[in-house]
N, C-alpha and C. Protein backbone atom coordinates (compact mmCIF):
# COMPACT_ATOMS: atom_id res chain seq x y z
N MET A 1 92.68 -19.07 -57.60
CA MET A 1 91.58 -19.07 -57.90
C MET A 1 91.39 -18.85 -56.00
N VAL A 2 91.08 -18.14 -55.76
CA VAL A 2 91.00 -17.59 -54.38
C VAL A 2 89.59 -18.39 -53.41
N PHE A 3 88.44 -18.88 -54.20
CA PHE A 3 86.92 -19.75 -53.98
C PHE A 3 86.89 -20.83 -55.03
N GLY A 4 86.10 -21.41 -54.14
CA GLY A 4 85.53 -22.11 -55.16
C GLY A 4 83.74 -23.08 -54.69
N PHE A 5 83.39 -24.06 -54.96
CA PHE A 5 81.81 -24.45 -54.27
C PHE A 5 82.12 -25.80 -54.68
N ARG A 6 81.38 -26.26 -53.86
CA ARG A 6 80.91 -27.60 -53.82
C ARG A 6 80.84 -28.04 -55.09
N SER A 7 80.51 -29.24 -55.48
CA SER A 7 80.15 -29.84 -56.91
C SER A 7 78.41 -30.25 -56.84
N ASP A 8 77.96 -30.11 -55.36
CA ASP A 8 76.81 -29.92 -55.88
C ASP A 8 76.01 -28.61 -56.20
N ALA A 9 76.66 -27.62 -56.54
CA ALA A 9 76.35 -26.28 -56.63
C ALA A 9 75.66 -26.50 -57.96
N GLY A 10 76.51 -26.89 -59.07
CA GLY A 10 76.27 -27.74 -60.26
C GLY A 10 75.64 -26.28 -61.01
N GLU A 11 73.65 -26.19 -61.21
CA GLU A 11 73.54 -25.48 -62.33
C GLU A 11 73.11 -23.98 -61.86
N ARG A 12 72.97 -24.29 -60.70
CA ARG A 12 72.86 -22.99 -59.68
C ARG A 12 74.13 -21.45 -60.12
N LEU A 13 75.27 -22.52 -59.91
CA LEU A 13 76.07 -21.68 -59.92
C LEU A 13 76.20 -21.49 -61.20
N ASP A 14 76.07 -21.71 -62.13
CA ASP A 14 76.10 -21.98 -63.33
C ASP A 14 75.32 -20.88 -63.82
N ARG A 15 74.19 -20.47 -63.18
CA ARG A 15 73.25 -19.47 -63.45
C ARG A 15 73.81 -18.18 -63.02
N ILE A 16 74.41 -18.21 -62.24
CA ILE A 16 75.03 -16.75 -61.29
C ILE A 16 76.42 -16.47 -62.05
N GLU A 17 77.43 -17.45 -62.63
CA GLU A 17 78.50 -17.16 -63.64
C GLU A 17 77.86 -16.31 -64.93
N GLU A 18 76.43 -16.78 -65.27
CA GLU A 18 76.30 -16.18 -66.66
C GLU A 18 75.51 -14.88 -66.32
N SER A 19 74.92 -14.38 -65.11
CA SER A 19 74.50 -13.43 -64.62
C SER A 19 75.42 -12.40 -64.63
N ILE A 20 76.68 -12.98 -64.15
CA ILE A 20 77.97 -11.83 -64.00
C ILE A 20 78.21 -11.81 -65.45
N GLN A 21 78.74 -12.76 -66.19
CA GLN A 21 79.19 -12.22 -67.53
C GLN A 21 78.15 -11.33 -68.51
N GLN A 22 76.74 -11.32 -68.21
CA GLN A 22 75.77 -10.66 -68.79
C GLN A 22 75.93 -9.10 -68.03
N MET A 23 75.67 -9.04 -67.16
CA MET A 23 76.23 -7.67 -66.43
C MET A 23 77.52 -7.01 -67.07
N LEU A 24 78.51 -7.83 -67.30
CA LEU A 24 79.44 -7.09 -67.98
C LEU A 24 79.25 -6.44 -69.23
N ARG A 25 78.34 -7.48 -70.02
CA ARG A 25 78.37 -7.20 -71.48
C ARG A 25 77.04 -5.97 -71.47
N ASP A 26 76.46 -5.88 -70.47
CA ASP A 26 75.62 -4.45 -70.59
C ASP A 26 75.89 -3.28 -69.94
N ASP A 27 77.31 -3.55 -69.04
CA ASP A 27 78.01 -2.26 -68.74
C ASP A 27 78.93 -1.45 -70.26
N ALA A 28 79.36 -2.84 -70.91
CA ALA A 28 79.99 -2.54 -71.81
C ALA A 28 78.59 -1.33 -72.83
N HIS A 29 77.86 -2.10 -73.04
CA HIS A 29 76.87 -1.71 -73.81
C HIS A 29 76.56 -0.22 -73.62
N SER A 30 76.63 0.23 -72.40
CA SER A 30 75.90 0.95 -71.28
C SER A 30 76.99 2.41 -71.84
N ILE A 31 78.68 1.78 -71.42
CA ILE A 31 79.70 2.74 -72.11
C ILE A 31 79.70 3.42 -73.09
N GLU A 32 79.61 1.95 -74.09
CA GLU A 32 79.23 2.11 -75.93
C GLU A 32 78.11 3.34 -76.06
N LEU A 33 77.10 3.57 -75.24
CA LEU A 33 76.00 4.50 -75.61
C LEU A 33 76.44 5.41 -74.90
N ALA A 34 76.95 5.68 -73.94
CA ALA A 34 77.67 6.57 -73.13
C ALA A 34 78.90 7.52 -74.20
N MET A 35 79.83 7.11 -74.51
CA MET A 35 81.03 7.32 -75.24
C MET A 35 80.37 7.58 -76.37
N SER A 36 79.73 6.88 -77.06
CA SER A 36 78.96 7.80 -78.17
C SER A 36 78.59 9.01 -78.75
N ALA A 37 77.89 9.34 -77.32
CA ALA A 37 77.71 10.27 -77.27
C ALA A 37 78.37 11.34 -76.36
N LEU A 38 79.24 11.15 -75.83
CA LEU A 38 80.26 12.28 -75.49
C LEU A 38 81.22 12.54 -76.58
N LEU A 39 81.04 11.90 -77.24
CA LEU A 39 82.31 12.00 -78.83
C LEU A 39 81.50 12.27 -79.46
N GLY A 40 80.31 12.83 -79.83
CA GLY A 40 79.93 13.54 -80.64
C GLY A 40 78.84 12.63 -81.65
N LYS A 41 78.96 10.99 -81.44
CA LYS A 41 78.37 10.14 -82.43
C LYS A 41 77.05 9.99 -82.31
N ALA A 42 76.07 10.45 -81.28
CA ALA A 42 75.28 10.23 -80.70
C ALA A 42 74.44 11.30 -80.50
N ASP A 43 73.28 11.03 -80.50
CA ASP A 43 72.44 12.26 -79.86
C ASP A 43 71.89 12.04 -78.52
N PRO A 44 72.42 12.43 -77.36
CA PRO A 44 71.95 12.01 -76.11
C PRO A 44 70.92 12.16 -75.80
N HIS A 45 69.88 12.70 -76.64
CA HIS A 45 68.36 12.55 -76.46
C HIS A 45 67.74 11.19 -76.82
N THR A 46 68.51 10.49 -77.75
CA THR A 46 68.02 9.30 -78.71
C THR A 46 68.61 8.18 -77.60
N VAL A 47 70.17 8.71 -77.40
CA VAL A 47 70.86 6.98 -76.47
C VAL A 47 69.87 6.87 -75.39
N GLY A 48 69.86 8.13 -74.47
CA GLY A 48 69.79 8.24 -72.87
C GLY A 48 69.21 7.13 -72.49
N PRO A 49 67.31 6.77 -72.76
CA PRO A 49 66.61 6.05 -72.43
C PRO A 49 67.09 4.85 -72.83
N GLU A 50 67.72 4.17 -73.81
CA GLU A 50 68.10 2.54 -74.04
C GLU A 50 69.86 2.34 -73.18
N LEU A 51 70.10 3.55 -72.68
CA LEU A 51 71.34 3.76 -71.58
C LEU A 51 70.58 3.14 -70.24
N ARG A 52 69.82 4.45 -69.86
CA ARG A 52 69.36 3.83 -68.39
C ARG A 52 68.37 2.58 -68.59
N ALA A 53 67.77 1.76 -69.63
CA ALA A 53 66.85 0.69 -69.18
C ALA A 53 68.60 -0.47 -69.62
N THR A 54 69.35 -0.06 -69.81
CA THR A 54 70.65 -1.54 -69.86
C THR A 54 70.99 -0.90 -68.17
N ASP A 55 70.82 0.04 -67.91
CA ASP A 55 71.59 0.23 -66.43
C ASP A 55 70.53 -0.59 -65.76
N HIS A 56 69.68 -0.42 -65.92
CA HIS A 56 68.46 -1.21 -64.99
C HIS A 56 68.33 -2.74 -65.18
N LYS A 57 68.67 -2.86 -66.23
CA LYS A 57 68.90 -4.55 -66.23
C LYS A 57 70.31 -5.41 -65.26
N VAL A 58 71.01 -4.19 -65.91
CA VAL A 58 72.22 -4.63 -63.95
C VAL A 58 72.15 -4.35 -62.97
N ASN A 59 71.60 -3.72 -62.78
CA ASN A 59 70.87 -3.48 -61.13
C ASN A 59 69.98 -4.44 -60.55
N GLU A 60 69.22 -4.70 -61.91
CA GLU A 60 68.37 -5.88 -61.10
C GLU A 60 69.08 -7.14 -61.02
N ALA A 61 69.99 -7.44 -61.93
CA ALA A 61 70.65 -8.70 -62.23
C ALA A 61 71.18 -8.69 -60.51
N GLU A 62 72.14 -7.85 -60.22
CA GLU A 62 72.76 -7.66 -59.30
C GLU A 62 71.27 -8.46 -57.92
N ARG A 63 70.56 -7.29 -58.05
CA ARG A 63 69.41 -8.12 -56.79
C ARG A 63 69.10 -9.39 -57.01
N ASN A 64 69.49 -9.81 -57.98
CA ASN A 64 68.94 -11.57 -58.18
C ASN A 64 69.72 -12.14 -57.71
N ILE A 65 71.30 -12.07 -58.55
CA ILE A 65 72.21 -12.71 -57.65
C ILE A 65 72.16 -13.00 -56.36
N ARG A 66 72.47 -11.43 -55.73
CA ARG A 66 72.35 -11.88 -54.11
C ARG A 66 71.68 -12.41 -53.58
N ARG A 67 70.16 -12.14 -54.03
CA ARG A 67 68.93 -13.15 -53.57
C ARG A 67 69.06 -14.52 -53.75
N ASP A 68 70.13 -14.67 -54.77
CA ASP A 68 70.21 -16.50 -55.26
C ASP A 68 71.09 -16.90 -54.66
N LEU A 69 72.19 -16.43 -53.92
CA LEU A 69 73.28 -16.25 -53.11
C LEU A 69 72.77 -16.46 -51.49
N VAL A 70 71.65 -15.86 -51.38
CA VAL A 70 71.30 -15.55 -49.67
C VAL A 70 70.74 -17.37 -49.77
N VAL A 71 70.07 -17.47 -50.70
CA VAL A 71 69.11 -18.46 -50.83
C VAL A 71 69.96 -20.04 -51.06
N HIS A 72 70.86 -19.94 -51.63
CA HIS A 72 71.30 -21.14 -51.83
C HIS A 72 72.48 -21.37 -50.54
N ALA A 73 73.31 -20.35 -49.94
CA ALA A 73 73.74 -20.36 -48.45
C ALA A 73 72.52 -21.18 -47.79
N SER A 74 71.38 -20.25 -47.14
CA SER A 74 70.70 -20.96 -46.27
C SER A 74 69.98 -22.30 -46.39
N VAL A 75 69.53 -22.52 -47.79
CA VAL A 75 68.08 -23.66 -47.69
C VAL A 75 69.45 -24.68 -48.29
N HIS A 76 70.14 -24.62 -49.40
CA HIS A 76 70.66 -25.40 -50.49
C HIS A 76 72.00 -26.12 -49.60
N GLY A 77 72.87 -24.81 -48.79
CA GLY A 77 73.78 -24.79 -48.56
C GLY A 77 75.22 -25.51 -49.81
N SER A 78 74.80 -25.08 -50.71
CA SER A 78 75.87 -25.84 -51.96
C SER A 78 77.43 -25.15 -52.05
N ILE A 79 77.17 -23.95 -51.80
CA ILE A 79 78.29 -22.76 -52.23
C ILE A 79 78.84 -22.23 -51.10
N ASP A 80 80.40 -22.32 -50.75
CA ASP A 80 81.09 -22.16 -49.98
C ASP A 80 80.53 -21.06 -49.46
N THR A 81 81.28 -20.47 -48.57
CA THR A 81 81.36 -19.00 -47.87
C THR A 81 82.26 -17.93 -48.36
N PRO A 82 83.63 -18.55 -48.54
CA PRO A 82 84.25 -17.44 -49.20
C PRO A 82 83.53 -17.02 -50.72
N ALA A 83 83.27 -18.28 -51.51
CA ALA A 83 82.07 -18.06 -52.76
C ALA A 83 81.78 -17.14 -52.65
N ILE A 84 80.48 -17.19 -51.41
CA ILE A 84 79.35 -16.28 -51.65
C ILE A 84 79.98 -14.99 -51.46
N LEU A 85 81.07 -14.14 -50.46
CA LEU A 85 81.64 -12.77 -50.05
C LEU A 85 82.30 -12.29 -51.23
N VAL A 86 82.89 -13.35 -51.90
CA VAL A 86 83.38 -13.08 -53.77
C VAL A 86 82.47 -12.64 -54.56
N TYR A 87 81.29 -13.52 -54.77
CA TYR A 87 80.16 -12.84 -55.88
C TYR A 87 79.67 -11.76 -55.09
N MET A 88 79.12 -11.23 -54.19
CA MET A 88 78.53 -10.41 -53.23
C MET A 88 79.82 -9.38 -53.55
N SER A 89 80.97 -9.37 -53.29
CA SER A 89 81.96 -8.22 -53.92
C SER A 89 81.57 -7.69 -54.92
N ILE A 90 81.73 -8.70 -55.99
CA ILE A 90 81.98 -8.39 -57.57
C ILE A 90 80.77 -7.72 -58.19
N VAL A 91 79.57 -8.53 -57.76
CA VAL A 91 78.40 -7.96 -58.52
C VAL A 91 78.33 -6.38 -57.94
N LYS A 92 79.13 -5.92 -56.80
CA LYS A 92 78.82 -4.74 -56.60
C LYS A 92 79.45 -3.64 -57.42
N ASP A 93 80.81 -4.43 -57.27
CA ASP A 93 81.94 -3.41 -58.19
C ASP A 93 81.26 -3.61 -60.03
N ILE A 94 80.45 -4.59 -60.34
CA ILE A 94 80.19 -4.40 -61.78
C ILE A 94 78.70 -3.45 -61.92
N GLU A 95 78.27 -3.47 -61.25
CA GLU A 95 77.15 -2.57 -60.85
C GLU A 95 77.42 -0.82 -60.90
N ARG A 96 78.66 -0.99 -60.37
CA ARG A 96 79.15 0.54 -60.24
C ARG A 96 79.74 0.99 -61.26
N ILE A 97 79.68 -0.02 -62.28
CA ILE A 97 80.69 0.64 -63.39
C ILE A 97 79.70 1.44 -64.38
N GLY A 98 78.25 0.61 -64.52
CA GLY A 98 76.90 0.90 -64.99
C GLY A 98 76.80 2.47 -64.59
N ASP A 99 77.14 3.23 -63.30
CA ASP A 99 76.57 3.79 -62.74
C ASP A 99 77.73 5.37 -63.06
N TYR A 100 79.26 4.61 -63.65
CA TYR A 100 80.10 6.13 -64.05
C TYR A 100 79.84 6.34 -65.42
N ALA A 101 78.98 4.83 -65.96
CA ALA A 101 78.88 5.13 -67.44
C ALA A 101 77.62 6.03 -68.01
N LYS A 102 76.80 5.95 -66.45
CA LYS A 102 75.94 7.17 -66.29
C LYS A 102 76.12 8.59 -66.49
N ASN A 103 77.63 8.52 -65.58
CA ASN A 103 78.00 10.01 -65.24
C ASN A 103 78.51 10.38 -66.40
N LEU A 104 78.80 9.48 -66.87
CA LEU A 104 79.58 10.20 -68.46
C LEU A 104 78.68 10.54 -69.57
N PHE A 105 77.41 9.85 -69.59
CA PHE A 105 76.63 10.41 -70.53
C PHE A 105 75.67 11.65 -69.89
N ASP A 106 75.75 12.05 -68.34
CA ASP A 106 75.57 12.77 -68.40
C ASP A 106 76.48 14.28 -68.56
N LEU A 107 77.74 14.40 -68.81
CA LEU A 107 78.70 14.69 -69.29
C LEU A 107 78.17 15.21 -70.89
N ALA A 108 77.69 14.67 -71.84
CA ALA A 108 77.14 14.87 -72.97
C ALA A 108 75.79 15.16 -72.87
N ALA A 109 74.90 15.09 -71.73
CA ALA A 109 73.56 15.40 -71.63
C ALA A 109 73.90 16.96 -71.49
N ASP A 110 74.47 17.46 -70.50
CA ASP A 110 75.03 18.65 -70.28
C ASP A 110 75.52 19.94 -71.13
N GLY A 111 75.65 19.04 -72.27
CA GLY A 111 76.63 20.10 -73.93
C GLY A 111 77.68 19.37 -74.36
N SER A 112 78.74 18.22 -73.48
CA SER A 112 80.22 18.24 -73.70
C SER A 112 80.16 17.39 -74.88
N ASP A 113 81.19 17.74 -76.04
CA ASP A 113 81.75 16.81 -77.17
C ASP A 113 83.24 16.93 -77.10
N LEU A 114 83.85 16.01 -76.26
CA LEU A 114 85.06 15.80 -76.33
C LEU A 114 85.51 15.58 -77.44
N SER A 115 85.39 15.46 -78.70
CA SER A 115 85.57 14.85 -80.21
C SER A 115 86.32 16.08 -80.61
N THR A 116 85.81 17.22 -79.59
CA THR A 116 86.36 18.97 -80.45
C THR A 116 87.29 19.28 -79.60
N THR A 117 88.06 18.52 -78.62
CA THR A 117 88.68 19.26 -77.78
C THR A 117 90.35 18.94 -78.44
N SER A 118 91.42 19.27 -77.59
CA SER A 118 92.47 18.89 -78.18
C SER A 118 93.19 17.35 -77.95
N ARG A 119 92.46 16.50 -76.90
CA ARG A 119 92.80 15.16 -76.19
C ARG A 119 91.82 14.61 -76.76
N GLY A 120 90.88 14.74 -78.12
CA GLY A 120 89.69 14.29 -78.33
C GLY A 120 90.07 12.56 -78.61
N PRO A 121 91.34 12.52 -79.71
CA PRO A 121 91.79 11.34 -80.01
C PRO A 121 92.18 9.92 -78.70
N ARG A 122 92.77 10.79 -77.60
CA ARG A 122 92.42 10.53 -76.27
C ARG A 122 91.14 9.71 -75.54
N HIS A 123 90.25 10.65 -75.85
CA HIS A 123 89.42 10.59 -75.12
C HIS A 123 88.48 9.12 -76.20
N THR A 124 88.79 9.20 -77.26
CA THR A 124 88.32 7.90 -78.42
C THR A 124 89.12 6.97 -78.23
N GLU A 125 90.60 6.72 -78.04
CA GLU A 125 90.80 5.41 -77.49
C GLU A 125 90.42 5.09 -76.19
N MET A 126 89.92 5.97 -75.06
CA MET A 126 89.46 5.26 -74.07
C MET A 126 88.38 4.48 -74.33
N HIS A 127 87.64 4.98 -74.62
CA HIS A 127 86.21 4.38 -75.47
C HIS A 127 86.31 2.68 -76.20
N ALA A 128 87.73 2.61 -76.65
CA ALA A 128 87.71 1.51 -77.36
C ALA A 128 88.61 0.44 -75.65
N GLU A 129 89.62 1.62 -75.47
CA GLU A 129 90.09 1.17 -74.35
C GLU A 129 89.09 -0.01 -73.34
N MET A 130 88.48 1.04 -72.79
CA MET A 130 87.66 0.32 -71.67
C MET A 130 86.65 -1.00 -72.16
N LEU A 131 86.19 -0.85 -73.52
CA LEU A 131 85.16 -1.85 -74.28
C LEU A 131 85.93 -3.11 -74.10
N ARG A 132 87.83 -2.90 -74.51
CA ARG A 132 88.50 -4.17 -74.52
C ARG A 132 88.69 -4.75 -73.12
N MET A 133 88.94 -3.56 -71.95
CA MET A 133 89.49 -4.00 -70.58
C MET A 133 87.95 -5.16 -70.12
N ILE A 134 86.59 -4.33 -70.50
CA ILE A 134 85.89 -5.13 -69.95
C ILE A 134 85.41 -6.90 -70.53
N GLU A 135 85.55 -6.74 -71.69
CA GLU A 135 86.12 -8.22 -72.57
C GLU A 135 86.74 -8.90 -71.80
N GLN A 136 88.40 -8.62 -71.61
CA GLN A 136 88.93 -9.26 -71.04
C GLN A 136 88.95 -9.41 -69.45
N VAL A 137 88.55 -8.57 -68.79
CA VAL A 137 88.00 -9.61 -67.45
C VAL A 137 86.88 -9.96 -67.13
N GLY A 138 86.24 -10.51 -68.32
CA GLY A 138 85.08 -11.40 -68.07
C GLY A 138 85.56 -12.80 -68.41
N VAL A 139 86.64 -12.49 -69.51
CA VAL A 139 87.08 -13.97 -69.64
C VAL A 139 88.03 -14.21 -68.94
N ALA A 140 89.08 -13.88 -68.14
CA ALA A 140 89.93 -14.07 -67.06
C ALA A 140 88.78 -14.11 -65.93
N PHE A 141 88.08 -13.50 -65.15
CA PHE A 141 87.03 -14.15 -64.16
C PHE A 141 86.41 -15.76 -64.67
N HIS A 142 85.88 -15.53 -66.00
CA HIS A 142 85.58 -16.73 -66.38
C HIS A 142 85.97 -17.66 -66.08
N GLU A 143 87.40 -17.79 -66.95
CA GLU A 143 88.35 -18.85 -66.50
C GLU A 143 89.05 -18.95 -65.19
N ARG A 144 88.86 -18.11 -64.30
CA ARG A 144 89.82 -18.04 -63.22
C ARG A 144 91.88 -18.10 -63.85
N ASP A 145 91.96 -17.05 -64.45
CA ASP A 145 93.06 -17.07 -65.08
C ASP A 145 93.89 -16.65 -64.44
N PRO A 146 94.47 -16.74 -63.41
CA PRO A 146 95.60 -15.80 -62.52
C PRO A 146 96.83 -15.00 -63.92
N GLU A 147 97.17 -15.69 -64.71
CA GLU A 147 98.46 -15.01 -65.57
C GLU A 147 97.55 -14.14 -66.14
N ARG A 148 96.44 -14.48 -67.00
CA ARG A 148 95.96 -13.10 -67.73
C ARG A 148 95.58 -12.28 -66.60
N SER A 149 94.78 -12.71 -65.56
CA SER A 149 94.21 -11.21 -64.36
C SER A 149 95.79 -10.70 -63.93
N ARG A 150 96.94 -10.94 -63.65
CA ARG A 150 97.89 -10.18 -63.51
C ARG A 150 98.25 -9.38 -64.46
N THR A 151 98.03 -9.70 -65.71
CA THR A 151 98.76 -8.74 -66.76
C THR A 151 97.66 -7.56 -66.32
N LEU A 152 96.34 -7.97 -66.82
CA LEU A 152 95.33 -6.88 -66.84
C LEU A 152 95.93 -5.65 -65.49
N LEU A 153 95.82 -6.55 -64.44
CA LEU A 153 96.09 -5.18 -63.36
C LEU A 153 97.38 -4.74 -63.55
N THR A 154 98.34 -5.08 -64.06
CA THR A 154 99.32 -4.44 -64.49
C THR A 154 99.08 -3.25 -65.83
N SER A 155 98.33 -3.44 -66.66
CA SER A 155 97.98 -2.37 -67.45
C SER A 155 97.19 -1.28 -67.29
N GLY A 156 96.29 -2.06 -66.26
CA GLY A 156 95.03 -1.45 -65.08
C GLY A 156 95.75 -0.12 -64.40
N ASP A 157 96.71 -0.74 -63.75
CA ASP A 157 97.35 -0.08 -62.88
C ASP A 157 98.18 1.71 -63.85
N GLU A 158 98.58 1.15 -64.58
CA GLU A 158 99.13 2.17 -65.47
C GLU A 158 98.06 3.36 -66.21
N LEU A 159 96.81 2.77 -66.90
CA LEU A 159 95.93 3.83 -67.04
C LEU A 159 95.54 4.39 -65.83
N LEU A 160 95.52 3.58 -64.73
CA LEU A 160 94.92 4.75 -63.48
C LEU A 160 96.04 5.83 -63.61
N ASP A 161 97.32 5.32 -63.54
CA ASP A 161 98.05 6.55 -63.23
C ASP A 161 98.07 7.73 -64.17
N ASP A 162 97.62 7.11 -65.71
CA ASP A 162 97.60 7.97 -66.81
C ASP A 162 96.73 9.05 -66.79
N PHE A 163 95.27 8.36 -66.17
CA PHE A 163 94.46 9.29 -65.40
C PHE A 163 94.54 10.49 -64.80
N ASP A 164 95.25 9.84 -63.58
CA ASP A 164 95.82 10.91 -62.80
C ASP A 164 96.35 11.81 -63.06
N ASP A 165 97.58 11.71 -63.91
CA ASP A 165 98.43 12.45 -65.20
C ASP A 165 97.77 13.70 -65.79
N ALA A 166 96.62 13.30 -66.26
CA ALA A 166 95.73 14.14 -66.95
C ALA A 166 94.84 14.59 -66.23
N VAL A 167 94.28 14.41 -65.44
CA VAL A 167 93.52 15.52 -64.43
C VAL A 167 94.48 16.76 -63.68
N SER A 168 95.43 15.91 -63.47
CA SER A 168 96.71 17.29 -63.32
C SER A 168 96.90 18.15 -63.78
N ALA A 169 97.17 17.81 -65.07
CA ALA A 169 97.81 18.84 -65.92
C ALA A 169 96.52 19.74 -66.90
N LEU A 170 95.56 19.04 -66.38
CA LEU A 170 94.24 19.46 -66.95
C LEU A 170 94.26 20.62 -65.62
N VAL A 171 94.50 20.78 -64.42
CA VAL A 171 93.99 21.21 -62.88
C VAL A 171 95.00 22.29 -63.17
N ARG A 172 96.57 21.95 -63.76
CA ARG A 172 97.52 22.79 -63.45
C ARG A 172 97.77 24.08 -64.69
N SER A 173 96.47 23.86 -65.66
CA SER A 173 96.68 24.53 -67.27
C SER A 173 96.29 25.86 -66.80
N ASP A 174 96.18 26.81 -67.38
CA ASP A 174 95.75 28.47 -67.04
C ASP A 174 94.52 28.47 -68.27
N SER A 175 94.32 27.43 -69.02
CA SER A 175 92.91 27.67 -69.98
C SER A 175 92.17 27.69 -69.58
N THR A 176 90.74 27.95 -69.69
CA THR A 176 89.94 27.73 -69.39
C THR A 176 88.70 27.18 -70.15
N GLY A 177 89.56 26.93 -71.43
CA GLY A 177 88.40 26.35 -72.48
C GLY A 177 88.71 25.11 -72.41
N ASP A 178 88.86 24.47 -74.17
CA ASP A 178 89.22 23.21 -74.18
C ASP A 178 88.19 22.03 -73.25
N GLN A 179 86.86 22.81 -72.91
CA GLN A 179 86.36 22.04 -71.83
C GLN A 179 86.97 21.06 -70.79
N SER A 180 87.80 22.08 -70.09
CA SER A 180 88.71 20.99 -69.20
C SER A 180 87.93 20.57 -67.72
N VAL A 181 87.06 21.34 -67.22
CA VAL A 181 86.30 20.61 -66.58
C VAL A 181 85.26 19.38 -67.27
N ALA A 182 85.09 19.05 -67.95
CA ALA A 182 84.62 17.96 -68.47
C ALA A 182 85.62 17.06 -68.72
N GLN A 183 86.46 17.38 -69.51
CA GLN A 183 87.60 16.96 -69.25
C GLN A 183 88.10 15.97 -68.12
N ALA A 184 88.39 16.77 -67.20
CA ALA A 184 88.87 16.63 -65.68
C ALA A 184 88.01 15.08 -64.85
N LEU A 185 86.60 15.87 -65.20
CA LEU A 185 85.39 15.12 -64.79
C LEU A 185 85.58 13.40 -65.54
N ALA A 186 85.65 13.26 -67.03
CA ALA A 186 85.48 12.24 -67.84
C ALA A 186 86.60 10.80 -67.24
N TYR A 187 87.92 12.14 -67.06
CA TYR A 187 89.00 10.98 -66.72
C TYR A 187 89.05 10.46 -65.32
N ARG A 188 88.44 11.13 -64.11
CA ARG A 188 87.76 10.65 -62.96
C ARG A 188 87.29 9.41 -63.20
N TYR A 189 85.79 9.44 -64.33
CA TYR A 189 84.94 8.47 -64.65
C TYR A 189 85.26 7.17 -65.45
N TYR A 190 86.56 7.41 -66.09
CA TYR A 190 87.22 6.21 -66.70
C TYR A 190 88.15 5.72 -65.02
N LYS A 191 88.44 6.53 -64.78
CA LYS A 191 89.44 5.60 -63.29
C LYS A 191 88.28 5.20 -62.62
N ARG A 192 87.32 4.86 -62.44
CA ARG A 192 86.77 4.63 -61.38
C ARG A 192 85.88 3.25 -62.09
N ILE A 193 85.81 3.22 -63.64
CA ILE A 193 85.19 1.92 -64.25
C ILE A 193 86.38 1.27 -64.28
N VAL A 194 88.07 1.61 -64.50
CA VAL A 194 89.14 0.84 -64.39
C VAL A 194 89.12 0.16 -62.78
N ALA A 195 88.87 1.27 -61.83
CA ALA A 195 89.52 0.24 -61.08
C ALA A 195 88.26 -0.55 -60.32
N HIS A 196 86.86 -0.14 -60.65
CA HIS A 196 86.06 -1.07 -60.29
C HIS A 196 86.21 -2.54 -61.48
N LEU A 197 87.03 -2.43 -62.60
CA LEU A 197 87.33 -3.98 -63.04
C LEU A 197 88.04 -4.32 -62.78
N LEU A 198 89.54 -3.82 -61.64
CA LEU A 198 90.43 -4.64 -61.35
C LEU A 198 90.20 -5.05 -59.77
N ASN A 199 89.07 -4.57 -59.32
CA ASN A 199 88.40 -4.90 -58.24
C ASN A 199 87.88 -6.43 -58.88
N VAL A 200 87.65 -6.49 -59.91
CA VAL A 200 86.64 -7.99 -59.98
C VAL A 200 87.78 -8.59 -60.29
N LEU A 201 88.86 -8.59 -61.25
CA LEU A 201 90.27 -9.13 -60.81
C LEU A 201 90.41 -9.86 -59.84
N SER A 202 90.58 -9.10 -58.64
CA SER A 202 91.43 -8.99 -57.68
C SER A 202 90.48 -11.19 -56.65
N ALA A 203 89.38 -11.08 -57.29
CA ALA A 203 88.77 -12.25 -56.91
C ALA A 203 89.66 -13.43 -57.86
N VAL A 204 90.78 -13.26 -58.54
CA VAL A 204 91.03 -14.23 -59.17
C VAL A 204 92.64 -14.46 -58.16
N VAL A 205 93.52 -13.48 -58.01
CA VAL A 205 94.40 -13.83 -57.52
C VAL A 205 94.97 -13.21 -55.92
N MET A 206 93.26 -12.50 -55.29
CA MET A 206 94.15 -12.23 -54.09
C MET A 206 93.15 -12.90 -52.62
N PRO A 207 93.36 -13.16 -51.93
CA PRO A 207 92.62 -13.76 -51.23
C PRO A 207 91.70 -12.78 -50.43
N VAL A 208 90.18 -13.57 -50.01
CA VAL A 208 89.28 -12.77 -50.03
C VAL A 208 89.14 -11.26 -48.91
N ASP A 209 90.13 -11.85 -48.20
CA ASP A 209 90.41 -10.23 -47.27
C ASP A 209 90.71 -9.18 -47.98
N ARG A 210 91.67 -9.68 -49.33
CA ARG A 210 92.19 -8.37 -49.84
C ARG A 210 91.33 -8.11 -51.23
N LEU A 211 89.93 -8.50 -51.36
CA LEU A 211 89.40 -8.04 -52.36
C LEU A 211 89.10 -6.39 -52.18
N ASP A 212 88.42 -6.08 -53.48
CA ASP A 212 88.06 -4.35 -53.23
C ASP A 212 89.44 -3.52 -52.82
N TYR A 213 90.33 -3.71 -52.95
CA TYR A 213 91.86 -2.78 -52.27
C TYR A 213 92.09 -2.60 -54.44
N PHE A 214 91.70 -2.81 -55.04
CA PHE A 214 92.57 -2.40 -56.48
C PHE A 214 92.09 -0.83 -57.14
N ASP A 215 90.63 -0.36 -55.85
CA ASP A 215 90.08 0.52 -56.34
C ASP A 215 90.56 1.81 -55.51
N GLU A 216 91.64 1.49 -54.74
CA GLU A 216 92.47 2.45 -54.20
C GLU A 216 93.88 2.72 -54.97
N ASP A 217 94.37 3.85 -54.76
CA ASP A 217 95.70 4.41 -55.58
C ASP A 217 96.42 3.07 -55.05
N PRO A 218 97.53 2.42 -56.07
CA PRO A 218 98.96 1.48 -55.37
C PRO A 218 99.17 1.93 -54.15
N GLU A 219 99.71 3.26 -54.01
CA GLU A 219 100.55 3.52 -52.59
C GLU A 219 99.27 3.12 -51.14
N ASP A 220 98.76 3.24 -51.44
CA ASP A 220 96.95 2.96 -50.41
C ASP A 220 96.73 2.01 -50.07
N ARG A 221 97.06 1.17 -51.04
CA ARG A 221 96.55 -0.56 -50.77
C ARG A 221 97.05 -1.39 -49.61
């Protein structure tokens, strides 16, 4: 674990930790809503208001956590500086996941239905995979489990490569049908969601100065 806190942080830190877990659960709900619309299982007009309300909750939670951290650092002094830096960093990554869920929803709102494409089953698999990964990342972070985190980082990197390959295949294709633009955008949004989840895991296995590098391609880190 790359960060810690003094024993007198107690209840305040517990509240921050629970808020982070709730943000991840809300992100999962946003992805569930967005992908349901994008895969033709829900009417975008029906799920849109709930998705926006959920994203608002995530944004508010981020602000509250940052406010709490500033107060605790300046008034109570109960949370060590490395922990503050980590929390400030990862809550931004978690908030960004909700933004990319909205981007996926926008594709559906613009009329895309990826279930009708030749890659429809793969998009359905990614729906389930993103939800599974959010849950697993939440557990790994909560438990500060480096072994689980490294396993997830490896599988996450493989997904990033898969997404790049899928976009390249769509770009090289001569076909202008099969909703190629929507599919390419969707794969990019999947990539950003997974990359931000990997950044959260970096807090468990990397020193503070190397946080946030997992949203870069492996060769650029």
